[in-house]
Amino acid sequence: MAEYERIEYRGHTIITGFEEGDMEHFDPRDNDGNYGTMVCWHSRYNLGDEQPGGRPSDYFAVECDKCEGYGWFNDEGTAVPGYYTEATVECDKCAAEGIIHDMEAWKAEHGVRVILPLYLYDHSGITMSTGAFSCPWDSGQVGWIHDTPEGVRAAMGVHETIDGKYTFTGKYHTPDGLYPSDEFIEGVLRAEVRHYADYLEGDIMWYRVEGPTDDDGCGGFFPDEKGSHKDMIEEAKASIDSSIRFAWQKGIEEQLETEAIARVMAL
């Protein structure tokens, strides 16, 4: 693996680099605890969580509430299937389709509180964002990310207590310990898209330590929200600190053992 940087620290060298080869096992969409579901349409890339095929408008279709999905009415105003002989009047809300393509109605039916567009930029690599890119030739909308009640509860580890309050044991927690607001969910969804964009861009790093007391290493480090891999470097330094303490402690113990043996031999 190609090196990116070398950092000297307490007589050791921290070597860093970017992950290469098969990256699929780093895909954050395969992890448990995501709030969102990414639904994407693309002819060449397998993106997000779901790739339904067909038209995006079909994904957000719901049963027409006016005709109860029948599409037609009889002369008395009762909704009936189109193949009934008494079906004489088309439903004017769904044009006799029995379904409507209404995102707000779809959100209400599925308990979705927040939905954001997904845009892909494809030029010498790909990346994703919830906002449109400036170049219209190499970018465009490829789908949406939305929450689900099940995803939110699973990510937060929600457990309702007897008195009707909640406890949270999962990946995400609200600052005040309350059930998440729409604004909180939106922030989490945007963070998930940034995390996925880091994966698409290959911005995932590893480190290896070389030195007299430590030869540790680890990989799979994503950048933080500021685009920095500072946490990875801090982990490497902590590993060196720990190895030095261990070596020092071991040296003291060996010295004490040597002195004890010398005293015994002197008797």
Protein backbone atom coordinates (compact mmCIF):
# COMPACT_ATOMS: atom_id res chain seq x y z
CA MET A 1 0.00 0.00 0.00
CA ALA A 2 1.32 3.42 -0.97
CA GLU A 3 2.41 5.70 1.84
CA TYR A 4 0.89 9.15 2.29
CA GLU A 5 2.75 10.65 5.23
CA ARG A 6 5.34 9.86 7.91
CA ILE A 7 5.12 11.45 11.35
CA GLU A 8 7.86 11.16 13.98
CA TYR A 9 6.63 10.77 17.55
CA ARG A 10 8.59 9.77 20.69
CA GLY A 11 11.21 7.79 18.83
CA HIS A 12 8.64 6.06 16.62
CA THR A 13 7.39 6.64 13.08
CA ILE A 14 3.70 6.80 12.23
CA ILE A 15 3.19 5.85 8.58
CA THR A 16 -0.17 6.67 6.97
CA GLY A 17 -1.80 5.89 3.64
CA PHE A 18 -5.12 5.52 1.84
CA GLU A 19 -6.92 2.20 1.63
CA GLU A 20 -6.74 0.52 -1.78
CA GLY A 21 -8.17 -2.52 -3.53
CA ASP A 22 -11.56 -3.94 -2.57
CA MET A 23 -13.35 -1.15 -0.70
CA GLU A 24 -16.81 -2.69 -0.43
CA HIS A 25 -16.29 -3.85 3.15
CA PHE A 26 -15.90 -0.16 4.12
CA ASP A 27 -19.34 0.74 2.68
CA PRO A 28 -21.13 2.64 5.49
CA ARG A 29 -24.51 1.66 4.03
CA ASP A 30 -23.81 -1.93 5.09
CA ASN A 31 -23.52 -0.90 8.74
CA ASP A 32 -26.30 -1.24 11.28
CA GLY A 33 -27.60 1.90 12.88
CA ASN A 34 -28.22 4.21 9.93
CA TYR A 35 -31.16 6.58 10.30
CA GLY A 36 -31.66 6.91 6.58
CA THR A 37 -32.54 4.78 3.60
CA MET A 38 -30.83 5.82 0.37
CA VAL A 39 -32.94 5.14 -2.72
CA CYS A 40 -31.05 5.64 -5.98
CA TRP A 41 -31.49 5.24 -9.72
CA HIS A 42 -28.42 4.98 -11.95
CA SER A 43 -27.65 2.98 -15.08
CA ARG A 44 -24.00 2.24 -14.22
CA TYR A 45 -23.51 2.51 -10.46
CA ASN A 46 -25.06 0.49 -7.65
CA LEU A 47 -25.62 3.30 -5.17
CA GLY A 48 -27.13 3.60 -1.70
CA ASP A 49 -29.38 1.04 -0.03
CA GLU A 50 -32.10 0.43 -2.60
CA GLN A 51 -32.16 0.51 -6.41
CA PRO A 52 -35.86 -0.01 -7.19
CA GLY A 53 -35.75 0.32 -10.96
CA GLY A 54 -38.67 1.79 -12.87
CA ARG A 55 -39.54 5.44 -12.50
CA PRO A 56 -38.84 7.37 -9.30
CA SER A 57 -42.44 8.60 -9.36
CA ASP A 58 -43.62 4.98 -9.06
CA TYR A 59 -41.59 4.55 -5.88
CA PHE A 60 -43.50 7.38 -4.24
CA ALA A 61 -46.92 6.22 -5.45
CA VAL A 62 -49.69 5.64 -2.90
CA GLU A 63 -53.24 4.46 -3.15
CA CYS A 64 -55.65 7.21 -4.10
CA ASP A 65 -57.60 8.13 -1.01
CA LYS A 66 -60.54 9.55 -2.97
CA CYS A 67 -61.44 6.36 -4.85
CA GLU A 68 -59.74 3.95 -2.40
CA GLY A 69 -57.52 2.71 -5.20
CA TYR A 70 -60.38 1.64 -7.50
CA GLY A 71 -60.02 4.50 -9.98
CA TRP A 72 -63.71 4.69 -10.84
CA PHE A 73 -67.12 5.57 -9.39
CA ASN A 74 -70.60 4.43 -10.26
CA ASP A 75 -73.48 6.82 -10.85
CA GLU A 76 -74.24 6.87 -7.14
CA GLY A 77 -70.74 8.08 -6.29
CA THR A 78 -69.52 4.78 -4.86
CA ALA A 79 -65.94 3.79 -5.72
CA VAL A 80 -65.82 0.62 -7.83
CA PRO A 81 -63.15 -1.22 -9.89
CA GLY A 82 -62.85 -0.18 -13.52
CA TYR A 83 -63.93 -3.59 -14.79
CA TYR A 84 -67.35 -3.31 -13.12
CA THR A 85 -70.15 -2.58 -15.58
CA GLU A 86 -71.45 0.16 -13.30
CA ALA A 87 -68.09 1.96 -13.40
CA THR A 88 -69.02 5.11 -15.26
CA VAL A 89 -67.06 8.01 -13.81
CA GLU A 90 -63.26 8.28 -13.69
CA CYS A 91 -61.70 9.47 -10.44
CA ASP A 92 -60.54 12.99 -11.15
CA LYS A 93 -57.80 12.81 -8.50
CA CYS A 94 -55.91 9.83 -9.92
CA ALA A 95 -57.20 9.81 -13.53
CA ALA A 96 -58.55 6.29 -13.01
CA GLU A 97 -55.10 4.91 -12.10
CA GLY A 98 -56.05 4.15 -8.51
CA ILE A 99 -52.74 5.62 -7.33
CA ILE A 100 -51.35 9.11 -6.94
CA HIS A 101 -47.73 10.21 -7.20
CA ASP A 102 -47.52 12.46 -4.17
CA MET A 103 -44.38 12.56 -2.04
CA GLU A 104 -46.12 14.18 0.92
CA ALA A 105 -48.83 11.51 0.89
CA TRP A 106 -46.14 8.84 0.61
CA LYS A 107 -44.29 10.32 3.61
CA ALA A 108 -47.46 10.29 5.70
CA GLU A 109 -48.27 6.69 4.73
CA HIS A 110 -44.79 5.42 5.63
CA GLY A 111 -44.13 7.58 8.68
CA VAL A 112 -41.27 9.40 6.99
CA ARG A 113 -40.45 12.76 8.54
CA VAL A 114 -37.48 14.00 6.48
CA ILE A 115 -36.51 13.36 2.86
CA LEU A 116 -33.55 14.95 1.06
CA PRO A 117 -32.42 14.80 -2.58
CA LEU A 118 -29.20 13.02 -3.56
CA TYR A 119 -26.94 14.40 -6.26
CA LEU A 120 -24.02 12.56 -7.89
CA TYR A 121 -20.94 14.19 -9.38
CA ASP A 122 -19.19 11.89 -11.87
CA HIS A 123 -15.87 13.10 -13.26
CA SER A 124 -12.62 11.14 -12.70
CA GLY A 125 -14.34 9.51 -9.74
CA ILE A 126 -17.69 9.97 -8.08
CA THR A 127 -19.03 11.72 -5.01
CA MET A 128 -22.44 12.52 -3.56
CA SER A 129 -24.16 15.42 -1.84
CA THR A 130 -27.58 16.58 -0.69
CA GLY A 131 -27.03 19.80 -2.63
CA ALA A 132 -26.71 20.25 -6.38
CA PHE A 133 -23.21 20.54 -7.85
CA SER A 134 -22.20 23.55 -9.91
CA CYS A 135 -21.39 21.52 -13.04
CA PRO A 136 -24.62 20.46 -14.81
CA TRP A 137 -22.81 18.26 -17.38
CA ASP A 138 -21.17 15.85 -14.92
CA SER A 139 -23.78 15.84 -12.19
CA GLY A 140 -27.46 15.38 -11.50
CA GLN A 141 -30.00 14.02 -9.07
CA VAL A 142 -29.88 10.24 -8.61
CA GLY A 143 -32.30 9.69 -5.73
CA TRP A 144 -33.31 10.56 -2.19
CA ILE A 145 -32.42 9.71 1.38
CA HIS A 146 -35.22 9.48 3.94
CA ASP A 147 -35.68 8.35 7.49
CA THR A 148 -38.01 5.57 8.61
CA PRO A 149 -39.56 5.05 12.04
CA GLU A 150 -37.79 1.69 12.26
CA GLY A 151 -34.43 3.19 11.27
CA VAL A 152 -34.65 6.01 13.80
CA ARG A 153 -35.62 3.67 16.65
CA ALA A 154 -32.91 1.16 15.74
CA ALA A 155 -30.20 3.81 15.41
CA MET A 156 -31.07 5.38 18.74
CA GLY A 157 -31.71 2.10 20.52
CA VAL A 158 -35.04 3.47 21.72
CA HIS A 159 -36.62 1.76 24.70
CA GLU A 160 -39.85 3.17 26.12
CA THR A 161 -40.12 2.91 29.91
CA ILE A 162 -43.26 2.23 31.91
CA ASP A 163 -43.83 5.94 32.62
CA GLY A 164 -43.81 6.72 28.88
CA LYS A 165 -40.30 8.16 28.76
CA TYR A 166 -37.50 6.94 26.50
CA THR A 167 -34.03 5.60 27.08
CA PHE A 168 -31.46 5.48 24.27
CA THR A 169 -28.71 2.91 23.87
CA GLY A 170 -27.94 3.12 20.16
CA LYS A 171 -25.51 4.88 17.85
CA TYR A 172 -27.11 8.36 17.84
CA HIS A 173 -28.31 10.37 20.80
CA THR A 174 -30.00 13.75 20.95
CA PRO A 175 -28.23 16.30 23.16
CA ASP A 176 -31.20 16.61 25.53
CA GLY A 177 -32.09 12.91 25.57
CA LEU A 178 -35.48 13.54 23.97
CA TYR A 179 -36.95 11.82 20.93
CA PRO A 180 -35.30 13.38 17.85
CA SER A 181 -36.83 16.40 16.14
CA ASP A 182 -37.08 16.76 12.36
CA GLU A 183 -34.09 19.12 12.49
CA PHE A 184 -32.00 16.54 14.34
CA ILE A 185 -32.97 13.80 11.87
CA GLU A 186 -32.09 16.05 8.93
CA GLY A 187 -28.66 16.73 10.41
CA VAL A 188 -28.03 13.00 10.82
CA LEU A 189 -29.14 12.27 7.25
CA ARG A 190 -26.80 14.94 5.88
CA ALA A 191 -23.96 13.48 7.94
CA GLU A 192 -24.70 10.01 6.56
CA VAL A 193 -24.47 11.35 3.01
CA ARG A 194 -21.13 13.05 3.77
CA HIS A 195 -19.87 9.76 5.22
CA TYR A 196 -21.02 7.89 2.12
CA ALA A 197 -19.34 10.51 -0.10
CA ASP A 198 -16.06 9.89 1.74
CA TYR A 199 -16.45 6.21 0.89
CA LEU A 200 -17.20 6.93 -2.78
CA GLU A 201 -14.15 9.22 -2.96
CA GLY A 202 -11.88 6.63 -1.30
CA ASP A 203 -11.01 9.00 1.55
CA ILE A 204 -10.35 6.14 3.98
CA MET A 205 -6.96 5.82 5.64
CA TRP A 206 -4.73 3.40 7.54
CA TYR A 207 -1.72 3.81 9.81
CA ARG A 208 1.24 1.67 10.81
CA VAL A 209 3.73 2.32 13.63
CA GLU A 210 7.41 1.46 13.46
CA GLY A 211 9.65 1.82 16.49
CA PRO A 212 11.47 0.14 19.36
CA THR A 213 8.37 -0.59 21.46
CA ASP A 214 5.45 -0.60 19.02
CA ASP A 215 4.59 -2.14 15.65
CA ASP A 216 0.83 -1.57 15.82
CA GLY A 217 -1.39 -0.70 12.87
CA CYS A 218 -5.04 -0.26 11.95
CA GLY A 219 -7.17 0.80 8.99
CA GLY A 220 -10.62 1.89 7.88
CA PHE A 221 -10.47 5.45 9.22
CA PHE A 222 -12.98 7.91 7.75
CA PRO A 223 -12.41 11.66 8.06
CA ASP A 224 -14.25 13.66 10.69
CA GLU A 225 -16.89 16.26 9.84
CA LYS A 226 -14.12 18.77 9.03
CA GLY A 227 -12.44 16.38 6.59
CA SER A 228 -9.53 15.65 8.92
CA HIS A 229 -8.03 12.30 9.95
CA LYS A 230 -6.83 13.77 13.23
CA ASP A 231 -8.53 11.04 15.27
CA MET A 232 -6.50 8.38 13.46
CA ILE A 233 -3.21 10.14 14.30
CA GLU A 234 -4.30 10.52 17.92
CA GLU A 235 -5.05 6.79 18.08
CA ALA A 236 -1.60 5.98 16.68
CA LYS A 237 0.04 8.29 19.24
CA ALA A 238 -1.99 6.71 22.04
CA SER A 239 -0.77 3.28 20.91
CA ILE A 240 2.84 4.49 21.10
CA ASP A 241 2.28 6.05 24.53
CA SER A 242 0.80 2.79 25.79
CA SER A 243 3.66 0.70 24.40
CA ILE A 244 6.24 2.98 26.01
CA ARG A 245 4.50 2.75 29.40
CA PHE A 246 4.31 -1.03 29.05
CA ALA A 247 8.00 -1.25 28.11
CA TRP A 248 8.95 1.00 31.02
CA GLN A 249 6.87 -1.06 33.46
CA LYS A 250 8.33 -4.28 32.10
CA GLY A 251 11.84 -2.87 32.45
CA ILE A 252 11.23 -1.90 36.07
CA GLU A 253 9.87 -5.36 36.85
CA GLU A 254 12.84 -7.05 35.19
CA GLN A 255 15.24 -4.78 37.08
CA LEU A 256 13.57 -5.59 40.41
CA GLU A 257 13.67 -9.28 39.59
CA THR A 258 17.39 -9.06 38.76
CA GLU A 259 18.12 -7.22 42.03
CA ALA A 260 16.16 -9.82 44.01
CA ILE A 261 18.12 -12.67 42.45
CA ALA A 262 21.38 -10.86 43.16
CA ARG A 263 20.43 -10.48 46.81
CA VAL A 264 19.62 -14.17 47.10
CA MET A 265 22.87 -15.16 45.43
CA ALA A 266 24.78 -12.94 47.86
CA LEU A 267 23.50 -14.83 50.90
